[in-house]
């Protein structure tokens, strides 16, 4: 029979209490080996790299609207501008392809389905355009953009094709099944983001990949203002009389475009550049044409 606790020698009982207390102190003390928690922007960068754009936007939403701005607010806005531009390009490419497919298809069911897909993607393009306009307003509320802007992100691990084979078939009126439609959508989104990255570094995919090899790159402020203005012009076209037919939203996008053009002109005043000046003047004319096309 085991002795009761009362019969334990006092020294052993004290030793047991000391051991228990030590265990409690260790468990409650600092966990030196526990990895530091990553910031929302770091997680957003990981999501962008893996192609999870919705997650990247979710993680940067509060950062983009933070008042006063957080340390990563400016970087979050730049990344969101790239994502929304990519989504806009993707949705418009899909909408235009399905519109052509509906015109050329002979089968009534194919025509109906392609029209539905055209309308769905036009709605996605409209949403991306409005989100881009909101982001542009956050970046340059008073028509001012910094001389240098940072895009802190890595190039996505999944690269989109330069040509989407499924859409080539649609363009000719051929039918593609639902799994091919999904593949076309995913490829178009990857391609849209790749094209947006090429645009934001004022070059091509290869240069964009090289620029982001270290996870961050500096952008010339004027080039970035031109990039935003081009995106807003594309977004405004979503609402013209040939597409969404929403004059109010078209004007709103043009108004934001005028602000980013103003920012580019202000930067060019300090640092003149003939090529950039030519681009900005083209954009000014583009917004005038868009306003007349409402």
C-alpha atoms as a PDB file:
ATOM      1  CA  UNK A   1       0.000   0.000   0.000  1.00  0.00           C
ATOM      2  CA  UNK A   2       1.280   3.440  -1.108  1.00  0.00           C
ATOM      3  CA  UNK A   3       1.830   5.905   1.759  1.00  0.00           C
ATOM      4  CA  UNK A   4      -0.513   8.846   1.929  1.00  0.00           C
ATOM      5  CA  UNK A   5       0.755  12.318   1.045  1.00  0.00           C
ATOM      6  CA  UNK A   6       0.893  13.123   4.752  1.00  0.00           C
ATOM      7  CA  UNK A   7       3.575  10.406   5.253  1.00  0.00           C
ATOM      8  CA  UNK A   8       5.814  11.826   2.443  1.00  0.00           C
ATOM      9  CA  UNK A   9       9.001  13.383   3.871  1.00  0.00           C
ATOM     10  CA  UNK A  10       8.690  17.199   3.979  1.00  0.00           C
ATOM     11  CA  UNK A  11      11.790  17.699   1.799  1.00  0.00           C
ATOM     12  CA  UNK A  12      10.307  15.573  -1.016  1.00  0.00           C
ATOM     13  CA  UNK A  13       6.992  17.441  -0.851  1.00  0.00           C
ATOM     14  CA  UNK A  14       8.850  20.789  -1.153  1.00  0.00           C
ATOM     15  CA  UNK A  15      10.878  19.445  -4.113  1.00  0.00           C
ATOM     16  CA  UNK A  16       7.660  18.458  -5.896  1.00  0.00           C
ATOM     17  CA  UNK A  17       6.194  21.943  -5.398  1.00  0.00           C
ATOM     18  CA  UNK A  18       9.353  23.568  -6.785  1.00  0.00           C
ATOM     19  CA  UNK A  19       9.259  21.349  -9.915  1.00  0.00           C
ATOM     20  CA  UNK A  20       5.568  22.163 -10.554  1.00  0.00           C
ATOM     21  CA  UNK A  21       6.198  25.885 -10.073  1.00  0.00           C
ATOM     22  CA  UNK A  22       9.097  25.701 -12.528  1.00  0.00           C
ATOM     23  CA  UNK A  23       6.924  24.040 -15.148  1.00  0.00           C
ATOM     24  CA  UNK A  24       4.246  26.741 -14.737  1.00  0.00           C
ATOM     25  CA  UNK A  25       6.820  29.518 -15.055  1.00  0.00           C
ATOM     26  CA  UNK A  26       8.295  27.993 -18.225  1.00  0.00           C
ATOM     27  CA  UNK A  27       4.875  27.545 -19.807  1.00  0.00           C
ATOM     28  CA  UNK A  28       3.853  31.117 -18.957  1.00  0.00           C
ATOM     29  CA  UNK A  29       7.145  32.734 -19.924  1.00  0.00           C
ATOM     30  CA  UNK A  30       8.104  34.204 -23.303  1.00  0.00           C
ATOM     31  CA  UNK A  31       8.112  31.767 -26.232  1.00  0.00           C
ATOM     32  CA  UNK A  32      11.426  32.606 -27.833  1.00  0.00           C
ATOM     33  CA  UNK A  33      10.991  29.962 -30.551  1.00  0.00           C
ATOM     34  CA  UNK A  34       7.511  31.095 -31.600  1.00  0.00           C
ATOM     35  CA  UNK A  35       7.696  32.721 -35.078  1.00  0.00           C
ATOM     36  CA  UNK A  36       6.766  36.388 -35.247  1.00  0.00           C
ATOM     37  CA  UNK A  37       3.325  37.096 -36.655  1.00  0.00           C
ATOM     38  CA  UNK A  38       3.474  38.437 -40.220  1.00  0.00           C
ATOM     39  CA  UNK A  39       1.802  41.731 -41.092  1.00  0.00           C
ATOM     40  CA  UNK A  40      -1.359  41.933 -43.220  1.00  0.00           C
ATOM     41  CA  UNK A  41       0.667  43.429 -46.075  1.00  0.00           C
ATOM     42  CA  UNK A  42       3.224  40.602 -45.956  1.00  0.00           C
ATOM     43  CA  UNK A  43       0.360  38.094 -46.133  1.00  0.00           C
ATOM     44  CA  UNK A  44      -1.153  40.091 -49.003  1.00  0.00           C
ATOM     45  CA  UNK A  45       2.160  39.866 -50.886  1.00  0.00           C
ATOM     46  CA  UNK A  46       2.179  36.090 -50.402  1.00  0.00           C
ATOM     47  CA  UNK A  47      -1.413  35.874 -51.640  1.00  0.00           C
ATOM     48  CA  UNK A  48      -0.583  37.985 -54.714  1.00  0.00           C
ATOM     49  CA  UNK A  49       2.453  35.842 -55.497  1.00  0.00           C
ATOM     50  CA  UNK A  50       0.349  32.665 -55.301  1.00  0.00           C
ATOM     51  CA  UNK A  51      -2.376  34.167 -57.502  1.00  0.00           C
ATOM     52  CA  UNK A  52      -5.013  34.563 -54.777  1.00  0.00           C
ATOM     53  CA  UNK A  53      -6.053  38.088 -55.752  1.00  0.00           C
ATOM     54  CA  UNK A  54      -9.236  38.117 -53.670  1.00  0.00           C
ATOM     55  CA  UNK A  55      -7.197  37.372 -50.544  1.00  0.00           C
ATOM     56  CA  UNK A  56      -4.638  40.040 -51.432  1.00  0.00           C
ATOM     57  CA  UNK A  57      -7.422  42.594 -51.822  1.00  0.00           C
ATOM     58  CA  UNK A  58      -9.088  41.507 -48.579  1.00  0.00           C
ATOM     59  CA  UNK A  59      -5.836  41.849 -46.629  1.00  0.00           C
ATOM     60  CA  UNK A  60      -5.078  45.309 -48.053  1.00  0.00           C
ATOM     61  CA  UNK A  61      -8.598  46.746 -47.763  1.00  0.00           C
ATOM     62  CA  UNK A  62      -8.196  48.287 -44.301  1.00  0.00           C
ATOM     63  CA  UNK A  63      -4.641  49.385 -45.057  1.00  0.00           C
ATOM     64  CA  UNK A  64      -5.769  51.259 -48.172  1.00  0.00           C
ATOM     65  CA  UNK A  65      -8.397  53.224 -46.240  1.00  0.00           C
ATOM     66  CA  UNK A  66      -6.467  53.684 -42.982  1.00  0.00           C
ATOM     67  CA  UNK A  67      -6.773  57.143 -41.384  1.00  0.00           C
ATOM     68  CA  UNK A  68      -4.174  58.262 -40.574  1.00  0.00           C
ATOM     69  CA  UNK A  69      -2.266  56.180 -43.144  1.00  0.00           C
ATOM     70  CA  UNK A  70      -0.394  53.136 -41.861  1.00  0.00           C
ATOM     71  CA  UNK A  71       3.225  52.367 -42.785  1.00  0.00           C
ATOM     72  CA  UNK A  72       2.089  50.129 -45.640  1.00  0.00           C
ATOM     73  CA  UNK A  73      -0.919  52.183 -46.839  1.00  0.00           C
ATOM     74  CA  UNK A  74       0.836  53.619 -49.906  1.00  0.00           C
ATOM     75  CA  UNK A  75       2.224  50.220 -50.898  1.00  0.00           C
ATOM     76  CA  UNK A  76      -1.185  48.620 -50.426  1.00  0.00           C
ATOM     77  CA  UNK A  77      -2.810  51.159 -52.740  1.00  0.00           C
ATOM     78  CA  UNK A  78      -0.197  50.637 -55.450  1.00  0.00           C
ATOM     79  CA  UNK A  79      -0.647  46.857 -55.290  1.00  0.00           C
ATOM     80  CA  UNK A  80      -4.441  47.199 -55.423  1.00  0.00           C
ATOM     81  CA  UNK A  81      -4.153  49.459 -58.490  1.00  0.00           C
ATOM     82  CA  UNK A  82      -2.166  46.721 -60.246  1.00  0.00           C
ATOM     83  CA  UNK A  83      -4.678  44.019 -59.251  1.00  0.00           C
ATOM     84  CA  UNK A  84      -7.734  46.008 -60.351  1.00  0.00           C
ATOM     85  CA  UNK A  85      -6.040  46.882 -63.647  1.00  0.00           C
ATOM     86  CA  UNK A  86      -5.323  43.189 -64.210  1.00  0.00           C
ATOM     87  CA  UNK A  87      -8.910  42.236 -63.378  1.00  0.00           C
ATOM     88  CA  UNK A  88     -10.229  44.921 -65.726  1.00  0.00           C
ATOM     89  CA  UNK A  89      -8.043  43.763 -68.618  1.00  0.00           C
ATOM     90  CA  UNK A  90      -9.025  40.143 -67.997  1.00  0.00           C
ATOM     91  CA  UNK A  91     -12.772  40.772 -67.818  1.00  0.00           C
ATOM     92  CA  UNK A  92     -12.784  42.967 -70.924  1.00  0.00           C
ATOM     93  CA  UNK A  93     -10.844  40.399 -72.945  1.00  0.00           C
ATOM     94  CA  UNK A  94     -13.360  37.727 -71.953  1.00  0.00           C
ATOM     95  CA  UNK A  95     -16.368  39.993 -72.572  1.00  0.00           C
ATOM     96  CA  UNK A  96     -15.157  40.931 -76.055  1.00  0.00           C
ATOM     97  CA  UNK A  97     -14.374  37.321 -76.984  1.00  0.00           C
ATOM     98  CA  UNK A  98     -17.805  36.071 -75.899  1.00  0.00           C
ATOM     99  CA  UNK A  99     -19.450  38.968 -77.742  1.00  0.00           C
ATOM    100  CA  UNK A 100     -17.716  37.867 -80.951  1.00  0.00           C
ATOM    101  CA  UNK A 101     -18.656  34.261 -80.221  1.00  0.00           C
ATOM    102  CA  UNK A 102     -22.326  35.216 -79.859  1.00  0.00           C
ATOM    103  CA  UNK A 103     -22.211  37.025 -83.211  1.00  0.00           C
ATOM    104  CA  UNK A 104     -20.585  34.156 -85.111  1.00  0.00           C
ATOM    105  CA  UNK A 105     -22.094  31.065 -83.457  1.00  0.00           C
ATOM    106  CA  UNK A 106     -24.785  29.246 -85.489  1.00  0.00           C
ATOM    107  CA  UNK A 107     -26.289  27.223 -82.653  1.00  0.00           C
ATOM    108  CA  UNK A 108     -29.015  29.145 -80.787  1.00  0.00           C
ATOM    109  CA  UNK A 109     -27.960  27.671 -77.424  1.00  0.00           C
ATOM    110  CA  UNK A 110     -24.357  28.712 -77.998  1.00  0.00           C
ATOM    111  CA  UNK A 111     -25.454  32.246 -78.876  1.00  0.00           C
ATOM    112  CA  UNK A 112     -27.540  32.497 -75.695  1.00  0.00           C
ATOM    113  CA  UNK A 113     -24.763  31.150 -73.458  1.00  0.00           C
ATOM    114  CA  UNK A 114     -22.107  33.394 -74.994  1.00  0.00           C
ATOM    115  CA  UNK A 115     -24.307  36.435 -74.532  1.00  0.00           C
ATOM    116  CA  UNK A 116     -24.719  35.533 -70.865  1.00  0.00           C
ATOM    117  CA  UNK A 117     -20.957  35.138 -70.454  1.00  0.00           C
ATOM    118  CA  UNK A 118     -20.417  38.446 -72.238  1.00  0.00           C
ATOM    119  CA  UNK A 119     -22.780  40.235 -69.826  1.00  0.00           C
ATOM    120  CA  UNK A 120     -21.273  38.522 -66.766  1.00  0.00           C
ATOM    121  CA  UNK A 121     -17.750  39.564 -67.700  1.00  0.00           C
ATOM    122  CA  UNK A 122     -18.865  43.077 -68.579  1.00  0.00           C
ATOM    123  CA  UNK A 123     -20.243  43.306 -65.026  1.00  0.00           C
ATOM    124  CA  UNK A 124     -16.903  42.090 -63.634  1.00  0.00           C
ATOM    125  CA  UNK A 125     -15.108  44.699 -65.752  1.00  0.00           C
ATOM    126  CA  UNK A 126     -17.417  47.437 -64.456  1.00  0.00           C
ATOM    127  CA  UNK A 127     -16.714  46.437 -60.852  1.00  0.00           C
ATOM    128  CA  UNK A 128     -12.943  46.391 -61.447  1.00  0.00           C
ATOM    129  CA  UNK A 129     -13.112  49.791 -63.185  1.00  0.00           C
ATOM    130  CA  UNK A 130     -14.972  51.399 -60.285  1.00  0.00           C
ATOM    131  CA  UNK A 131     -12.580  49.846 -57.774  1.00  0.00           C
ATOM    132  CA  UNK A 132      -9.635  51.150 -59.781  1.00  0.00           C
ATOM    133  CA  UNK A 133     -11.178  54.644 -59.790  1.00  0.00           C
ATOM    134  CA  UNK A 134     -11.592  54.504 -56.012  1.00  0.00           C
ATOM    135  CA  UNK A 135      -7.980  53.399 -55.590  1.00  0.00           C
ATOM    136  CA  UNK A 136      -6.739  56.138 -57.923  1.00  0.00           C
ATOM    137  CA  UNK A 137      -8.654  58.664 -55.828  1.00  0.00           C
ATOM    138  CA  UNK A 138      -6.950  57.330 -52.692  1.00  0.00           C
ATOM    139  CA  UNK A 139      -3.538  57.617 -54.349  1.00  0.00           C
ATOM    140  CA  UNK A 140      -3.998  61.118 -55.796  1.00  0.00           C
ATOM    141  CA  UNK A 141      -6.953  62.840 -54.097  1.00  0.00           C
ATOM    142  CA  UNK A 142      -5.609  66.309 -54.903  1.00  0.00           C
ATOM    143  CA  UNK A 143      -3.926  65.550 -58.203  1.00  0.00           C
ATOM    144  CA  UNK A 144      -0.558  64.896 -56.568  1.00  0.00           C
ATOM    145  CA  UNK A 145       1.549  61.740 -56.948  1.00  0.00           C
ATOM    146  CA  UNK A 146       5.005  61.308 -55.418  1.00  0.00           C
ATOM    147  CA  UNK A 147       8.053  61.527 -57.691  1.00  0.00           C
ATOM    148  CA  UNK A 148       8.811  57.920 -56.803  1.00  0.00           C
ATOM    149  CA  UNK A 149       6.363  55.141 -55.942  1.00  0.00           C
ATOM    150  CA  UNK A 150       7.081  51.677 -54.536  1.00  0.00           C
ATOM    151  CA  UNK A 151       5.538  48.465 -55.806  1.00  0.00           C
ATOM    152  CA  UNK A 152       6.367  45.919 -53.132  1.00  0.00           C
ATOM    153  CA  UNK A 153       5.427  42.500 -54.468  1.00  0.00           C
ATOM    154  CA  UNK A 154       6.929  39.423 -56.078  1.00  0.00           C
ATOM    155  CA  UNK A 155       6.072  38.341 -59.599  1.00  0.00           C
ATOM    156  CA  UNK A 156       3.259  35.735 -59.505  1.00  0.00           C
ATOM    157  CA  UNK A 157       4.394  32.120 -59.580  1.00  0.00           C
ATOM    158  CA  UNK A 158       1.669  31.263 -62.127  1.00  0.00           C
ATOM    159  CA  UNK A 159       2.201  33.129 -65.372  1.00  0.00           C
ATOM    160  CA  UNK A 160      -0.604  33.585 -67.864  1.00  0.00           C
ATOM    161  CA  UNK A 161      -0.301  32.679 -71.537  1.00  0.00           C
ATOM    162  CA  UNK A 162       0.328  35.377 -74.142  1.00  0.00           C
ATOM    163  CA  UNK A 163      -2.597  33.957 -76.141  1.00  0.00           C
ATOM    164  CA  UNK A 164      -5.614  32.118 -74.750  1.00  0.00           C
ATOM    165  CA  UNK A 165      -6.368  29.188 -77.052  1.00  0.00           C
ATOM    166  CA  UNK A 166      -9.910  28.670 -75.774  1.00  0.00           C
ATOM    167  CA  UNK A 167     -10.847  32.236 -76.670  1.00  0.00           C
ATOM    168  CA  UNK A 168      -9.403  31.876 -80.173  1.00  0.00           C
ATOM    169  CA  UNK A 169     -12.022  29.179 -80.731  1.00  0.00           C
ATOM    170  CA  UNK A 170     -14.772  31.367 -79.249  1.00  0.00           C
ATOM    171  CA  UNK A 171     -13.792  34.253 -81.542  1.00  0.00           C
ATOM    172  CA  UNK A 172     -14.693  32.057 -84.502  1.00  0.00           C
ATOM    173  CA  UNK A 173     -18.057  31.049 -83.068  1.00  0.00           C
ATOM    174  CA  UNK A 174     -16.873  27.633 -81.884  1.00  0.00           C
ATOM    175  CA  UNK A 175     -18.213  26.130 -78.673  1.00  0.00           C
ATOM    176  CA  UNK A 176     -16.172  25.543 -75.535  1.00  0.00           C
ATOM    177  CA  UNK A 177     -17.458  23.469 -72.614  1.00  0.00           C
ATOM    178  CA  UNK A 178     -17.786  24.741 -69.038  1.00  0.00           C
ATOM    179  CA  UNK A 179     -14.383  23.366 -67.980  1.00  0.00           C
ATOM    180  CA  UNK A 180     -12.782  25.194 -70.908  1.00  0.00           C
ATOM    181  CA  UNK A 181     -14.663  28.345 -69.952  1.00  0.00           C
ATOM    182  CA  UNK A 182     -13.213  28.084 -66.444  1.00  0.00           C
ATOM    183  CA  UNK A 183      -9.725  27.522 -67.870  1.00  0.00           C
ATOM    184  CA  UNK A 184     -10.140  30.538 -70.173  1.00  0.00           C
ATOM    185  CA  UNK A 185     -11.220  32.659 -67.195  1.00  0.00           C
ATOM    186  CA  UNK A 186      -8.244  31.618 -65.069  1.00  0.00           C
ATOM    187  CA  UNK A 187      -5.775  32.108 -67.928  1.00  0.00           C
ATOM    188  CA  UNK A 188      -7.266  35.511 -68.756  1.00  0.00           C
ATOM    189  CA  UNK A 189      -6.884  36.636 -65.138  1.00  0.00           C
ATOM    190  CA  UNK A 190      -3.247  35.519 -64.958  1.00  0.00           C
ATOM    191  CA  UNK A 191      -2.596  37.205 -68.303  1.00  0.00           C
ATOM    192  CA  UNK A 192      -4.339  40.385 -67.158  1.00  0.00           C
ATOM    193  CA  UNK A 193      -2.145  40.642 -64.065  1.00  0.00           C
ATOM    194  CA  UNK A 194       0.993  39.927 -66.119  1.00  0.00           C
ATOM    195  CA  UNK A 195       0.001  42.677 -68.572  1.00  0.00           C
ATOM    196  CA  UNK A 196      -0.722  45.063 -65.684  1.00  0.00           C
ATOM    197  CA  UNK A 197       2.717  44.396 -64.195  1.00  0.00           C
ATOM    198  CA  UNK A 198       4.338  44.970 -67.571  1.00  0.00           C
ATOM    199  CA  UNK A 199       2.416  48.227 -67.848  1.00  0.00           C
ATOM    200  CA  UNK A 200       3.271  49.506 -64.394  1.00  0.00           C
ATOM    201  CA  UNK A 201       7.019  49.073 -65.025  1.00  0.00           C
ATOM    202  CA  UNK A 202       6.559  50.649 -68.500  1.00  0.00           C
ATOM    203  CA  UNK A 203       7.994  47.615 -70.252  1.00  0.00           C
ATOM    204  CA  UNK A 204       7.182  43.949 -70.847  1.00  0.00           C
ATOM    205  CA  UNK A 205       6.700  40.790 -68.782  1.00  0.00           C
ATOM    206  CA  UNK A 206      10.365  39.871 -68.778  1.00  0.00           C
ATOM    207  CA  UNK A 207      11.379  43.293 -67.455  1.00  0.00           C
ATOM    208  CA  UNK A 208       8.561  43.197 -64.889  1.00  0.00           C
ATOM    209  CA  UNK A 209       9.702  39.785 -63.656  1.00  0.00           C
ATOM    210  CA  UNK A 210      13.272  41.041 -63.424  1.00  0.00           C
ATOM    211  CA  UNK A 211      12.233  44.249 -61.626  1.00  0.00           C
ATOM    212  CA  UNK A 212      10.304  42.280 -59.000  1.00  0.00           C
ATOM    213  CA  UNK A 213      12.933  39.561 -58.529  1.00  0.00           C
ATOM    214  CA  UNK A 214      13.880  41.114 -55.184  1.00  0.00           C
ATOM    215  CA  UNK A 215      10.266  41.518 -54.071  1.00  0.00           C
ATOM    216  CA  UNK A 216      10.102  45.274 -54.627  1.00  0.00           C
ATOM    217  CA  UNK A 217      10.778  47.926 -57.251  1.00  0.00           C
ATOM    218  CA  UNK A 218      10.752  51.718 -57.453  1.00  0.00           C
ATOM    219  CA  UNK A 219       8.459  53.297 -60.044  1.00  0.00           C
ATOM    220  CA  UNK A 220       8.834  56.712 -61.602  1.00  0.00           C
ATOM    221  CA  UNK A 221       5.923  58.841 -60.397  1.00  0.00           C
ATOM    222  CA  UNK A 222       5.084  60.160 -63.876  1.00  0.00           C
ATOM    223  CA  UNK A 223       5.090  56.658 -65.357  1.00  0.00           C
ATOM    224  CA  UNK A 224       2.816  55.501 -62.560  1.00  0.00           C
ATOM    225  CA  UNK A 225       0.430  58.415 -63.153  1.00  0.00           C
ATOM    226  CA  UNK A 226       0.334  57.466 -66.848  1.00  0.00           C
ATOM    227  CA  UNK A 227      -0.314  53.827 -65.898  1.00  0.00           C
ATOM    228  CA  UNK A 228      -3.262  54.863 -63.715  1.00  0.00           C
ATOM    229  CA  UNK A 229      -4.617  57.172 -66.419  1.00  0.00           C
ATOM    230  CA  UNK A 230      -4.505  54.409 -69.031  1.00  0.00           C
ATOM    231  CA  UNK A 231      -6.343  52.052 -66.675  1.00  0.00           C
ATOM    232  CA  UNK A 232      -9.000  54.668 -65.974  1.00  0.00           C
ATOM    233  CA  UNK A 233      -9.454  55.253 -69.714  1.00  0.00           C
ATOM    234  CA  UNK A 234      -9.961  51.507 -70.222  1.00  0.00           C
ATOM    235  CA  UNK A 235     -12.368  51.513 -67.296  1.00  0.00           C
ATOM    236  CA  UNK A 236     -14.354  54.459 -68.644  1.00  0.00           C
ATOM    237  CA  UNK A 237     -14.817  52.618 -71.955  1.00  0.00           C
ATOM    238  CA  UNK A 238     -16.680  49.873 -70.068  1.00  0.00           C
ATOM    239  CA  UNK A 239     -19.532  52.348 -69.567  1.00  0.00           C
ATOM    240  CA  UNK A 240     -19.717  53.852 -73.061  1.00  0.00           C
ATOM    241  CA  UNK A 241     -22.673  53.456 -75.417  1.00  0.00           C
ATOM    242  CA  UNK A 242     -21.123  50.320 -76.958  1.00  0.00           C
ATOM    243  CA  UNK A 243     -20.840  48.475 -73.643  1.00  0.00           C
ATOM    244  CA  UNK A 244     -22.369  49.303 -70.260  1.00  0.00           C
ATOM    245  CA  UNK A 245     -24.213  52.450 -71.384  1.00  0.00           C
ATOM    246  CA  UNK A 246     -23.857  54.282 -68.088  1.00  0.00           C
ATOM    247  CA  UNK A 247     -22.893  57.924 -68.815  1.00  0.00           C
ATOM    248  CA  UNK A 248     -22.717  58.880 -65.133  1.00  0.00           C
ATOM    249  CA  UNK A 249     -20.091  56.252 -64.345  1.00  0.00           C
ATOM    250  CA  UNK A 250     -18.226  56.993 -67.569  1.00  0.00           C
ATOM    251  CA  UNK A 251     -17.932  60.654 -66.533  1.00  0.00           C
ATOM    252  CA  UNK A 252     -16.834  59.641 -63.014  1.00  0.00           C
ATOM    253  CA  UNK A 253     -13.994  57.529 -64.470  1.00  0.00           C
ATOM    254  CA  UNK A 254     -13.007  60.352 -66.825  1.00  0.00           C
ATOM    255  CA  UNK A 255     -12.977  62.792 -63.908  1.00  0.00           C
ATOM    256  CA  UNK A 256     -10.560  60.548 -62.006  1.00  0.00           C
ATOM    257  CA  UNK A 257      -8.512  60.209 -65.182  1.00  0.00           C
ATOM    258  CA  UNK A 258      -8.278  63.984 -65.453  1.00  0.00           C
ATOM    259  CA  UNK A 259      -6.902  64.058 -61.895  1.00  0.00           C
ATOM    260  CA  UNK A 260      -4.167  61.485 -62.605  1.00  0.00           C
ATOM    261  CA  UNK A 261      -3.309  63.313 -65.844  1.00  0.00           C
ATOM    262  CA  UNK A 262      -3.020  66.495 -63.790  1.00  0.00           C
ATOM    263  CA  UNK A 263      -0.617  64.669 -61.458  1.00  0.00           C
ATOM    264  CA  UNK A 264       1.500  63.566 -64.419  1.00  0.00           C
ATOM    265  CA  UNK A 265       1.601  67.110 -65.812  1.00  0.00           C
ATOM    266  CA  UNK A 266       2.700  68.499 -62.431  1.00  0.00           C
ATOM    267  CA  UNK A 267       5.584  66.029 -62.299  1.00  0.00           C
ATOM    268  CA  UNK A 268       6.553  66.785 -65.910  1.00  0.00           C
ATOM    269  CA  UNK A 269       6.723  70.473 -65.066  1.00  0.00           C
ATOM    270  CA  UNK A 270       9.517  69.719 -62.601  1.00  0.00           C
ATOM    271  CA  UNK A 271      11.181  67.022 -64.717  1.00  0.00           C
ATOM    272  CA  UNK A 272      10.360  67.455 -68.441  1.00  0.00           C
ATOM    273  CA  UNK A 273      10.333  64.362 -70.654  1.00  0.00           C
ATOM    274  CA  UNK A 274       9.183  64.506 -74.291  1.00  0.00           C
ATOM    275  CA  UNK A 275       8.027  60.889 -74.511  1.00  0.00           C
ATOM    276  CA  UNK A 276       6.027  61.086 -71.296  1.00  0.00           C
ATOM    277  CA  UNK A 277       4.585  64.434 -72.322  1.00  0.00           C
ATOM    278  CA  UNK A 278       3.382  62.897 -75.593  1.00  0.00           C
ATOM    279  CA  UNK A 279       1.730  60.024 -73.688  1.00  0.00           C
ATOM    280  CA  UNK A 280      -0.049  62.418 -71.342  1.00  0.00           C
ATOM    281  CA  UNK A 281      -1.377  64.527 -74.201  1.00  0.00           C
ATOM    282  CA  UNK A 282      -2.728  61.400 -75.890  1.00  0.00           C
ATOM    283  CA  UNK A 283      -4.523  60.529 -72.670  1.00  0.00           C
ATOM    284  CA  UNK A 284      -6.017  64.002 -72.420  1.00  0.00           C
ATOM    285  CA  UNK A 285      -7.436  63.554 -75.935  1.00  0.00           C
ATOM    286  CA  UNK A 286      -8.603  60.047 -75.023  1.00  0.00           C
ATOM    287  CA  UNK A 287     -10.670  61.286 -72.090  1.00  0.00           C
ATOM    288  CA  UNK A 288     -12.216  63.986 -74.278  1.00  0.00           C
ATOM    289  CA  UNK A 289     -13.210  61.330 -76.837  1.00  0.00           C
ATOM    290  CA  UNK A 290     -14.630  59.095 -74.115  1.00  0.00           C
ATOM    291  CA  UNK A 291     -16.788  61.904 -72.770  1.00  0.00           C
ATOM    292  CA  UNK A 292     -18.218  62.435 -76.248  1.00  0.00           C
ATOM    293  CA  UNK A 293     -18.903  58.678 -76.583  1.00  0.00           C
ATOM    294  CA  UNK A 294     -21.231  58.474 -73.602  1.00  0.00           C
END
